[in-house]
Amino acid sequence: MVKQLEEERARLESSLNAETKLKLDLFGALGEARREVAVRDGVVKKQEEELEELRGQLQFILVRSEE
């Protein structure tokens, strides 16, 4: 009986360790994904700003060409 309990305890500890490692790996991957999204958001924001600037320049050129 004691041996069975010890074996069950060892199995549960091993399972818990594996689960903990998996969770750490998942949280690490989540952090990396969040960093990548943040970088891409920055790139998109910069491109949107550049696009707005180009639109403004185009509008200026169009107004000037109509004069």
Protein backbone atom coordinates (compact mmCIF):
# COMPACT_ATOMS: atom_id res chain seq x y z
CA MET A 1 0.00 0.00 0.00
CA VAL A 2 2.75 2.44 0.95
CA LYS A 3 4.71 1.53 -2.17
CA GLN A 4 1.64 2.23 -4.35
CA LEU A 5 1.15 5.62 -2.71
CA GLU A 6 4.81 6.49 -3.24
CA GLU A 7 4.58 5.45 -6.89
CA GLU A 8 1.41 7.51 -7.34
CA ARG A 9 3.08 10.47 -5.67
CA ALA A 10 6.10 10.16 -7.97
CA ARG A 11 3.83 9.92 -11.01
CA LEU A 12 1.87 12.99 -9.93
CA GLU A 13 5.08 14.96 -9.29
CA SER A 14 6.38 14.01 -12.72
CA SER A 15 3.10 15.02 -14.32
CA LEU A 16 3.10 18.31 -12.44
CA ASN A 17 6.67 19.04 -13.51
CA ALA A 18 5.78 18.34 -17.14
CA GLU A 19 2.73 20.59 -16.87
CA THR A 20 4.78 23.38 -15.31
CA LYS A 21 7.38 23.16 -18.08
CA LEU A 22 4.64 23.27 -20.72
CA LYS A 23 3.08 26.33 -19.11
CA LEU A 24 6.44 28.09 -18.97
CA ASP A 25 7.03 27.29 -22.64
CA LEU A 26 3.57 28.58 -23.55
CA PHE A 27 3.99 31.80 -21.59
CA GLY A 28 7.39 32.30 -23.21
CA ALA A 29 5.84 31.85 -26.65
CA LEU A 30 3.04 34.24 -25.73
CA GLY A 31 5.55 36.87 -24.66
CA GLU A 32 7.46 36.48 -27.91
CA ALA A 33 4.24 36.75 -29.93
CA ARG A 34 3.27 39.90 -28.05
CA ARG A 35 6.68 41.43 -28.78
CA GLU A 36 6.32 40.60 -32.47
CA VAL A 37 2.84 42.13 -32.57
CA ALA A 38 4.13 45.27 -30.87
CA VAL A 39 6.93 45.60 -33.43
CA ARG A 40 4.51 45.06 -36.32
CA ASP A 41 2.06 47.55 -34.83
CA GLY A 42 4.88 50.09 -34.75
CA VAL A 43 5.70 49.41 -38.39
CA VAL A 44 2.06 49.73 -39.40
CA LYS A 45 1.67 52.97 -37.44
CA LYS A 46 4.76 54.43 -39.11
CA GLN A 47 3.47 53.39 -42.55
CA GLU A 48 0.08 54.94 -41.81
CA GLU A 49 1.80 58.20 -40.83
CA GLU A 50 3.87 58.13 -44.02
CA LEU A 51 0.72 57.47 -46.04
CA GLU A 52 -1.03 60.44 -44.47
CA GLU A 53 1.97 62.64 -45.23
CA LEU A 54 1.98 61.47 -48.85
CA ARG A 55 -1.77 62.11 -49.11
CA GLY A 56 -1.19 65.63 -47.85
CA GLN A 57 1.57 66.19 -50.37
CA LEU A 58 -0.61 64.83 -53.15
CA GLN A 59 -3.47 67.08 -52.12
CA PHE A 60 -1.11 70.06 -52.11
CA ILE A 61 0.14 69.16 -55.59
CA LEU A 62 -3.41 68.74 -56.89
CA VAL A 63 -4.49 72.11 -55.49
CA ARG A 64 -1.41 73.82 -56.93
CA SER A 65 -1.94 72.23 -60.36
CA GLU A 66 -5.51 73.54 -60.50
CA GLU A 67 -4.36 77.12 -60.02
